[in-house]
Amino acid sequence: MAAEVGRSHTTIRRVRNAFGLRPHPSEKFMLSSGPLFVDKMQDIVGLYISLPDRTVVLRLDQKSQIKALDR
């Protein structure tokens, strides 16, 4: 990221820490059992393979604790 935006690694770390940003976690993988999982996965993978110009991809997670509180 630092090389891409032309800043130092230290600057990137400071910005991430200031805003509480974290890199995408990759130490675990949970496969969804949702009925539309395959369709959604194909849409998302398709975006990454052939990303239209001037596109931003955001990832939002719903925490399982929040689901439990809603019940």
PDB file of N, CA and C in Angstrom:
ATOM      1  N   MET A   1       0.824  -1.179   0.000  1.00  0.00           N
ATOM      2  CA  MET A   1       0.000   0.000   0.000  1.00  0.00           C
ATOM      3  C   MET A   1       0.877   1.256   0.000  1.00  0.00           C
ATOM      4  N   ALA A   2       1.929   1.217   0.770  1.00  0.00           N
ATOM      5  CA  ALA A   2       2.813   2.383   0.841  1.00  0.00           C
ATOM      6  C   ALA A   2       3.384   2.730  -0.524  1.00  0.00           C
ATOM      7  N   ALA A   3       3.850   1.725  -1.236  1.00  0.00           N
ATOM      8  CA  ALA A   3       4.424   1.969  -2.560  1.00  0.00           C
ATOM      9  C   ALA A   3       3.364   2.486  -3.530  1.00  0.00           C
ATOM     10  N   GLU A   4       2.172   1.969  -3.426  1.00  0.00           N
ATOM     11  CA  GLU A   4       1.084   2.360  -4.335  1.00  0.00           C
ATOM     12  C   GLU A   4       0.711   3.830  -4.184  1.00  0.00           C
ATOM     13  N   VAL A   5       0.679   4.326  -2.944  1.00  0.00           N
ATOM     14  CA  VAL A   5       0.278   5.722  -2.718  1.00  0.00           C
ATOM     15  C   VAL A   5       1.467   6.663  -2.579  1.00  0.00           C
ATOM     16  N   GLY A   6       2.686   6.111  -2.657  1.00  0.00           N
ATOM     17  CA  GLY A   6       3.873   6.956  -2.609  1.00  0.00           C
ATOM     18  C   GLY A   6       4.190   7.498  -1.224  1.00  0.00           C
ATOM     19  N   ARG A   7       3.886   6.731  -0.204  1.00  0.00           N
ATOM     20  CA  ARG A   7       4.171   7.133   1.180  1.00  0.00           C
ATOM     21  C   ARG A   7       5.035   6.069   1.842  1.00  0.00           C
ATOM     22  N   SER A   8       5.590   6.395   2.999  1.00  0.00           N
ATOM     23  CA  SER A   8       6.418   5.429   3.720  1.00  0.00           C
ATOM     24  C   SER A   8       5.534   4.431   4.468  1.00  0.00           C
ATOM     25  N   HIS A   9       6.145   3.295   4.814  1.00  0.00           N
ATOM     26  CA  HIS A   9       5.419   2.288   5.589  1.00  0.00           C
ATOM     27  C   HIS A   9       5.002   2.855   6.949  1.00  0.00           C
ATOM     28  N   THR A  10       5.841   3.706   7.521  1.00  0.00           N
ATOM     29  CA  THR A  10       5.531   4.318   8.811  1.00  0.00           C
ATOM     30  C   THR A  10       4.298   5.202   8.718  1.00  0.00           C
ATOM     31  N   THR A  11       4.195   5.987   7.657  1.00  0.00           N
ATOM     32  CA  THR A  11       3.025   6.855   7.472  1.00  0.00           C
ATOM     33  C   THR A  11       1.756   6.025   7.347  1.00  0.00           C
ATOM     34  N   ILE A  12       1.823   4.951   6.578  1.00  0.00           N
ATOM     35  CA  ILE A  12       0.663   4.078   6.415  1.00  0.00           C
ATOM     36  C   ILE A  12       0.267   3.476   7.752  1.00  0.00           C
ATOM     37  N   ARG A  13       1.233   3.026   8.534  1.00  0.00           N
ATOM     38  CA  ARG A  13       0.942   2.461   9.855  1.00  0.00           C
ATOM     39  C   ARG A  13       0.292   3.494  10.764  1.00  0.00           C
ATOM     40  N   ARG A  14       0.781   4.721  10.737  1.00  0.00           N
ATOM     41  CA  ARG A  14       0.188   5.778  11.573  1.00  0.00           C
ATOM     42  C   ARG A  14      -1.261   6.057  11.178  1.00  0.00           C
ATOM     43  N   VAL A  15      -1.520   6.112   9.878  1.00  0.00           N
ATOM     44  CA  VAL A  15      -2.893   6.357   9.411  1.00  0.00           C
ATOM     45  C   VAL A  15      -3.798   5.201   9.821  1.00  0.00           C
ATOM     46  N   ARG A  16      -3.332   3.972   9.624  1.00  0.00           N
ATOM     47  CA  ARG A  16      -4.142   2.810  10.019  1.00  0.00           C
ATOM     48  C   ARG A  16      -4.440   2.843  11.507  1.00  0.00           C
ATOM     49  N   ASN A  17      -3.438   3.136  12.323  1.00  0.00           N
ATOM     50  CA  ASN A  17      -3.642   3.180  13.778  1.00  0.00           C
ATOM     51  C   ASN A  17      -4.572   4.314  14.176  1.00  0.00           C
ATOM     52  N   ALA A  18      -4.447   5.467  13.532  1.00  0.00           N
ATOM     53  CA  ALA A  18      -5.284   6.625  13.875  1.00  0.00           C
ATOM     54  C   ALA A  18      -6.762   6.350  13.617  1.00  0.00           C
ATOM     55  N   PHE A  19      -7.058   5.580  12.584  1.00  0.00           N
ATOM     56  CA  PHE A  19      -8.448   5.308  12.230  1.00  0.00           C
ATOM     57  C   PHE A  19      -8.910   3.913  12.629  1.00  0.00           C
ATOM     58  N   GLY A  20      -8.049   3.158  13.300  1.00  0.00           N
ATOM     59  CA  GLY A  20      -8.417   1.816  13.743  1.00  0.00           C
ATOM     60  C   GLY A  20      -8.600   0.833  12.597  1.00  0.00           C
ATOM     61  N   LEU A  21      -7.867   1.048  11.504  1.00  0.00           N
ATOM     62  CA  LEU A  21      -7.978   0.166  10.342  1.00  0.00           C
ATOM     63  C   LEU A  21      -7.060  -1.026  10.503  1.00  0.00           C
ATOM     64  N   ARG A  22      -7.523  -2.187  10.029  1.00  0.00           N
ATOM     65  CA  ARG A  22      -6.707  -3.397  10.084  1.00  0.00           C
ATOM     66  C   ARG A  22      -6.674  -4.041   8.707  1.00  0.00           C
ATOM     67  N   PRO A  23      -5.560  -4.681   8.364  1.00  0.00           N
ATOM     68  CA  PRO A  23      -5.522  -5.410   7.100  1.00  0.00           C
ATOM     69  C   PRO A  23      -6.523  -6.554   7.137  1.00  0.00           C
ATOM     70  N   HIS A  24      -6.908  -7.019   5.972  1.00  0.00           N
ATOM     71  CA  HIS A  24      -7.849  -8.128   5.895  1.00  0.00           C
ATOM     72  C   HIS A  24      -7.274  -9.351   6.607  1.00  0.00           C
ATOM     73  N   PRO A  25      -7.999  -9.912   7.598  1.00  0.00           N
ATOM     74  CA  PRO A  25      -7.476 -11.086   8.301  1.00  0.00           C
ATOM     75  C   PRO A  25      -7.485 -12.313   7.384  1.00  0.00           C
ATOM     76  N   SER A  26      -6.417 -13.068   7.425  1.00  0.00           N
ATOM     77  CA  SER A  26      -6.336 -14.242   6.554  1.00  0.00           C
ATOM     78  C   SER A  26      -5.970 -15.508   7.317  1.00  0.00           C
ATOM     79  N   GLU A  27      -5.992 -15.452   8.636  1.00  0.00           N
ATOM     80  CA  GLU A  27      -5.574 -16.627   9.389  1.00  0.00           C
ATOM     81  C   GLU A  27      -6.671 -17.682   9.537  1.00  0.00           C
ATOM     82  N   LYS A  28      -7.907 -17.356   9.173  1.00  0.00           N
ATOM     83  CA  LYS A  28      -8.961 -18.365   9.246  1.00  0.00           C
ATOM     84  C   LYS A  28      -9.966 -18.148   8.111  1.00  0.00           C
ATOM     85  N   PHE A  29     -10.676 -19.202   7.777  1.00  0.00           N
ATOM     86  CA  PHE A  29     -11.666 -19.140   6.718  1.00  0.00           C
ATOM     87  C   PHE A  29     -12.900 -19.894   7.182  1.00  0.00           C
ATOM     88  N   MET A  30     -14.053 -19.248   7.080  1.00  0.00           N
ATOM     89  CA  MET A  30     -15.308 -19.892   7.474  1.00  0.00           C
ATOM     90  C   MET A  30     -16.201 -19.965   6.239  1.00  0.00           C
ATOM     91  N   LEU A  31     -16.594 -21.154   5.871  1.00  0.00           N
ATOM     92  CA  LEU A  31     -17.453 -21.354   4.720  1.00  0.00           C
ATOM     93  C   LEU A  31     -18.906 -21.164   5.136  1.00  0.00           C
ATOM     94  N   SER A  32     -19.613 -20.328   4.425  1.00  0.00           N
ATOM     95  CA  SER A  32     -21.010 -20.036   4.733  1.00  0.00           C
ATOM     96  C   SER A  32     -21.901 -21.212   4.349  1.00  0.00           C
ATOM     97  N   SER A  33     -22.965 -21.384   5.106  1.00  0.00           N
ATOM     98  CA  SER A  33     -23.947 -22.421   4.782  1.00  0.00           C
ATOM     99  C   SER A  33     -25.217 -21.796   4.205  1.00  0.00           C
ATOM    100  N   GLY A  34     -25.176 -20.504   3.899  1.00  0.00           N
ATOM    101  CA  GLY A  34     -26.335 -19.799   3.354  1.00  0.00           C
ATOM    102  C   GLY A  34     -26.744 -20.326   1.994  1.00  0.00           C
ATOM    103  N   PRO A  35     -28.035 -20.293   1.691  1.00  0.00           N
ATOM    104  CA  PRO A  35     -28.516 -20.842   0.424  1.00  0.00           C
ATOM    105  C   PRO A  35     -28.041 -20.071  -0.814  1.00  0.00           C
ATOM    106  N   LEU A  36     -27.690 -18.814  -0.666  1.00  0.00           N
ATOM    107  CA  LEU A  36     -27.257 -18.002  -1.809  1.00  0.00           C
ATOM    108  C   LEU A  36     -25.741 -17.798  -1.840  1.00  0.00           C
ATOM    109  N   PHE A  37     -25.030 -18.585  -1.023  1.00  0.00           N
ATOM    110  CA  PHE A  37     -23.587 -18.393  -0.901  1.00  0.00           C
ATOM    111  C   PHE A  37     -22.869 -18.513  -2.244  1.00  0.00           C
ATOM    112  N   VAL A  38     -23.163 -19.547  -3.007  1.00  0.00           N
ATOM    113  CA  VAL A  38     -22.462 -19.774  -4.277  1.00  0.00           C
ATOM    114  C   VAL A  38     -22.705 -18.617  -5.237  1.00  0.00           C
ATOM    115  N   ASP A  39     -23.957 -18.147  -5.331  1.00  0.00           N
ATOM    116  CA  ASP A  39     -24.268 -17.028  -6.220  1.00  0.00           C
ATOM    117  C   ASP A  39     -23.524 -15.757  -5.800  1.00  0.00           C
ATOM    118  N   LYS A  40     -23.521 -15.477  -4.501  1.00  0.00           N
ATOM    119  CA  LYS A  40     -22.823 -14.284  -3.999  1.00  0.00           C
ATOM    120  C   LYS A  40     -21.318 -14.405  -4.229  1.00  0.00           C
ATOM    121  N   MET A  41     -20.768 -15.607  -3.988  1.00  0.00           N
ATOM    122  CA  MET A  41     -19.333 -15.810  -4.174  1.00  0.00           C
ATOM    123  C   MET A  41     -18.948 -15.588  -5.635  1.00  0.00           C
ATOM    124  N   GLN A  42     -19.756 -16.084  -6.563  1.00  0.00           N
ATOM    125  CA  GLN A  42     -19.458 -15.893  -7.980  1.00  0.00           C
ATOM    126  C   GLN A  42     -19.484 -14.410  -8.351  1.00  0.00           C
ATOM    127  N   ASP A  43     -20.435 -13.649  -7.792  1.00  0.00           N
ATOM    128  CA  ASP A  43     -20.497 -12.211  -8.056  1.00  0.00           C
ATOM    129  C   ASP A  43     -19.249 -11.504  -7.545  1.00  0.00           C
ATOM    130  N   ILE A  44     -18.825 -11.836  -6.337  1.00  0.00           N
ATOM    131  CA  ILE A  44     -17.678 -11.163  -5.719  1.00  0.00           C
ATOM    132  C   ILE A  44     -16.380 -11.537  -6.441  1.00  0.00           C
ATOM    133  N   VAL A  45     -16.191 -12.814  -6.710  1.00  0.00           N
ATOM    134  CA  VAL A  45     -14.984 -13.246  -7.423  1.00  0.00           C
ATOM    135  C   VAL A  45     -14.946 -12.610  -8.807  1.00  0.00           C
ATOM    136  N   GLY A  46     -16.108 -12.522  -9.455  1.00  0.00           N
ATOM    137  CA  GLY A  46     -16.182 -11.875 -10.762  1.00  0.00           C
ATOM    138  C   GLY A  46     -15.743 -10.427 -10.714  1.00  0.00           C
ATOM    139  N   LEU A  47     -16.087  -9.720  -9.636  1.00  0.00           N
ATOM    140  CA  LEU A  47     -15.641  -8.329  -9.478  1.00  0.00           C
ATOM    141  C   LEU A  47     -14.125  -8.240  -9.405  1.00  0.00           C
ATOM    142  N   TYR A  48     -13.522  -9.115  -8.616  1.00  0.00           N
ATOM    143  CA  TYR A  48     -12.075  -9.065  -8.452  1.00  0.00           C
ATOM    144  C   TYR A  48     -11.344  -9.474  -9.719  1.00  0.00           C
ATOM    145  N   ILE A  49     -11.901 -10.393 -10.485  1.00  0.00           N
ATOM    146  CA  ILE A  49     -11.248 -10.846 -11.711  1.00  0.00           C
ATOM    147  C   ILE A  49     -11.338  -9.779 -12.801  1.00  0.00           C
ATOM    148  N   SER A  50     -12.495  -9.143 -12.906  1.00  0.00           N
ATOM    149  CA  SER A  50     -12.708  -8.159 -13.965  1.00  0.00           C
ATOM    150  C   SER A  50     -13.292  -6.888 -13.351  1.00  0.00           C
ATOM    151  N   LEU A  51     -12.501  -6.199 -12.579  1.00  0.00           N
ATOM    152  CA  LEU A  51     -12.947  -5.014 -11.861  1.00  0.00           C
ATOM    153  C   LEU A  51     -13.138  -3.842 -12.822  1.00  0.00           C
ATOM    154  N   PRO A  52     -14.355  -3.280 -12.881  1.00  0.00           N
ATOM    155  CA  PRO A  52     -14.579  -2.116 -13.746  1.00  0.00           C
ATOM    156  C   PRO A  52     -13.713  -0.930 -13.304  1.00  0.00           C
ATOM    157  N   ASP A  53     -13.401  -0.036 -14.228  1.00  0.00           N
ATOM    158  CA  ASP A  53     -12.614   1.158 -13.900  1.00  0.00           C
ATOM    159  C   ASP A  53     -13.328   1.995 -12.845  1.00  0.00           C
ATOM    160  N   ARG A  54     -12.541   2.636 -11.988  1.00  0.00           N
ATOM    161  CA  ARG A  54     -13.032   3.559 -10.963  1.00  0.00           C
ATOM    162  C   ARG A  54     -14.010   2.889 -10.004  1.00  0.00           C
ATOM    163  N   THR A  55     -13.727   1.645  -9.640  1.00  0.00           N
ATOM    164  CA  THR A  55     -14.575   0.883  -8.734  1.00  0.00           C
ATOM    165  C   THR A  55     -13.903   0.756  -7.375  1.00  0.00           C
ATOM    166  N   VAL A  56     -14.689   0.851  -6.324  1.00  0.00           N
ATOM    167  CA  VAL A  56     -14.202   0.637  -4.969  1.00  0.00           C
ATOM    168  C   VAL A  56     -14.975  -0.542  -4.394  1.00  0.00           C
ATOM    169  N   VAL A  57     -14.257  -1.496  -3.803  1.00  0.00           N
ATOM    170  CA  VAL A  57     -14.891  -2.658  -3.184  1.00  0.00           C
ATOM    171  C   VAL A  57     -14.730  -2.523  -1.676  1.00  0.00           C
ATOM    172  N   LEU A  58     -15.835  -2.511  -0.955  1.00  0.00           N
ATOM    173  CA  LEU A  58     -15.829  -2.416   0.504  1.00  0.00           C
ATOM    174  C   LEU A  58     -16.331  -3.721   1.086  1.00  0.00           C
ATOM    175  N   ARG A  59     -15.775  -4.116   2.192  1.00  0.00           N
ATOM    176  CA  ARG A  59     -16.183  -5.354   2.854  1.00  0.00           C
ATOM    177  C   ARG A  59     -16.725  -5.017   4.231  1.00  0.00           C
ATOM    178  N   LEU A  60     -17.921  -5.477   4.517  1.00  0.00           N
ATOM    179  CA  LEU A  60     -18.543  -5.271   5.819  1.00  0.00           C
ATOM    180  C   LEU A  60     -18.922  -6.621   6.386  1.00  0.00           C
ATOM    181  N   ASP A  61     -18.622  -6.842   7.642  1.00  0.00           N
ATOM    182  CA  ASP A  61     -18.971  -8.091   8.304  1.00  0.00           C
ATOM    183  C   ASP A  61     -19.998  -7.834   9.384  1.00  0.00           C
ATOM    184  N   GLN A  62     -20.919  -8.772   9.511  1.00  0.00           N
ATOM    185  CA  GLN A  62     -21.845  -8.729  10.628  1.00  0.00           C
ATOM    186  C   GLN A  62     -21.327  -9.726  11.649  1.00  0.00           C
ATOM    187  N   LYS A  63     -21.101  -9.263  12.849  1.00  0.00           N
ATOM    188  CA  LYS A  63     -20.534 -10.120  13.883  1.00  0.00           C
ATOM    189  C   LYS A  63     -21.582 -11.078  14.425  1.00  0.00           C
ATOM    190  N   SER A  64     -21.161 -12.295  14.753  1.00  0.00           N
ATOM    191  CA  SER A  64     -22.098 -13.297  15.259  1.00  0.00           C
ATOM    192  C   SER A  64     -22.715 -12.876  16.591  1.00  0.00           C
ATOM    193  N   GLN A  65     -21.994 -12.077  17.394  1.00  0.00           N
ATOM    194  CA  GLN A  65     -22.545 -11.614  18.659  1.00  0.00           C
ATOM    195  C   GLN A  65     -23.742 -10.707  18.414  1.00  0.00           C
ATOM    196  N   ILE A  66     -23.691  -9.912  17.363  1.00  0.00           N
ATOM    197  CA  ILE A  66     -24.802  -9.017  17.035  1.00  0.00           C
ATOM    198  C   ILE A  66     -26.006  -9.846  16.612  1.00  0.00           C
ATOM    199  N   LYS A  67     -25.778 -10.903  15.858  1.00  0.00           N
ATOM    200  CA  LYS A  67     -26.876 -11.785  15.460  1.00  0.00           C
ATOM    201  C   LYS A  67     -27.549 -12.375  16.682  1.00  0.00           C
ATOM    202  N   ALA A  68     -26.734 -12.794  17.662  1.00  0.00           N
ATOM    203  CA  ALA A  68     -27.288 -13.398  18.881  1.00  0.00           C
ATOM    204  C   ALA A  68     -28.115 -12.385  19.665  1.00  0.00           C
ATOM    205  N   LEU A  69     -27.684 -11.126  19.685  1.00  0.00           N
ATOM    206  CA  LEU A  69     -28.429 -10.095  20.416  1.00  0.00           C
ATOM    207  C   LEU A  69     -29.765  -9.798  19.753  1.00  0.00           C
ATOM    208  N   ASP A  70     -29.840  -9.952  18.424  1.00  0.00           N
ATOM    209  CA  ASP A  70     -31.082  -9.690  17.710  1.00  0.00           C
ATOM    210  C   ASP A  70     -32.146 -10.754  17.952  1.00  0.00           C
ATOM    211  N   ARG A  71     -31.730 -11.921  18.410  1.00  0.00           N
ATOM    212  CA  ARG A  71     -32.702 -13.017  18.595  1.00  0.00           C
ATOM    213  C   ARG A  71     -33.480 -12.825  19.806  1.00  0.00           C
TER     214      ARG A  71
END
